[in-house]
Amino acid sequence: MKTKVRPENYILSVLTPEERLEAALKIAKEAFKKTTLSLKDVERAVEKVRRRVYEEPKG
């Protein structure tokens, strides 16, 4: 019995969590490119998410 592997699932499985986050943020940036949001708004949101993900846990 052959199992079909979808390329996008394989690609995601070999990426580290950080690489997946970077890919998702790049996709989001492109998706919001033609909205009423300014590019600056989208970039600020991306930076906010990155800070939350990468900052050291407090405690």
Protein backbone atom coordinates (compact mmCIF):
# COMPACT_ATOMS: atom_id res chain seq x y z
CA MET A 1 0.00 0.00 0.00
CA LYS A 2 1.51 3.31 -1.07
CA THR A 3 1.05 6.40 0.99
CA LYS A 4 0.77 9.65 -0.90
CA VAL A 5 2.77 12.46 0.61
CA ARG A 6 1.65 15.96 -0.17
CA PRO A 7 4.67 18.18 -0.91
CA GLU A 8 3.49 21.01 1.35
CA ASN A 9 3.17 18.63 4.30
CA TYR A 10 6.64 17.24 3.70
CA ILE A 11 8.16 20.71 3.42
CA LEU A 12 6.52 21.81 6.67
CA SER A 13 7.65 18.65 8.45
CA VAL A 14 11.33 19.26 7.70
CA LEU A 15 11.29 22.90 8.81
CA THR A 16 12.14 23.91 12.35
CA PRO A 17 9.42 25.73 14.31
CA GLU A 18 11.32 28.99 13.77
CA GLU A 19 11.49 28.41 10.01
CA ARG A 20 7.76 27.63 9.95
CA LEU A 21 7.05 30.89 11.77
CA GLU A 22 9.20 32.84 9.31
CA ALA A 23 7.39 31.22 6.37
CA ALA A 24 3.98 31.98 7.88
CA LEU A 25 4.93 35.60 8.49
CA LYS A 26 6.16 36.01 4.92
CA ILE A 27 2.91 34.57 3.61
CA ALA A 28 0.89 36.87 5.88
CA LYS A 29 2.89 39.87 4.71
CA GLU A 30 2.08 39.01 1.08
CA ALA A 31 -1.58 38.30 1.88
CA PHE A 32 -2.08 41.70 3.52
CA LYS A 33 -0.14 43.58 0.86
CA LYS A 34 -3.26 44.78 -0.98
CA THR A 35 -5.45 45.61 2.03
CA THR A 36 -6.21 48.98 3.55
CA LEU A 37 -3.62 48.21 6.22
CA SER A 38 -0.36 49.93 5.61
CA LEU A 39 2.77 47.86 5.14
CA LYS A 40 4.06 49.52 8.31
CA ASP A 41 1.03 48.15 10.26
CA VAL A 42 1.69 44.63 9.01
CA GLU A 43 5.43 44.89 9.75
CA ARG A 44 4.70 46.11 13.30
CA ALA A 45 2.36 43.15 13.85
CA VAL A 46 5.00 40.73 12.52
CA GLU A 47 7.65 42.21 14.82
CA LYS A 48 5.26 41.96 17.79
CA VAL A 49 4.68 38.26 17.08
CA ARG A 50 8.42 37.63 16.68
CA ARG A 51 9.17 39.33 19.99
CA ARG A 52 6.57 37.22 21.78
CA VAL A 53 7.90 34.01 20.26
CA TYR A 54 11.60 34.67 20.77
CA GLU A 55 11.71 36.60 24.05
CA GLU A 56 13.02 34.86 27.10
CA PRO A 57 10.35 33.59 29.48
CA LYS A 58 10.03 35.83 32.52
CA GLY A 59 10.14 34.26 35.88
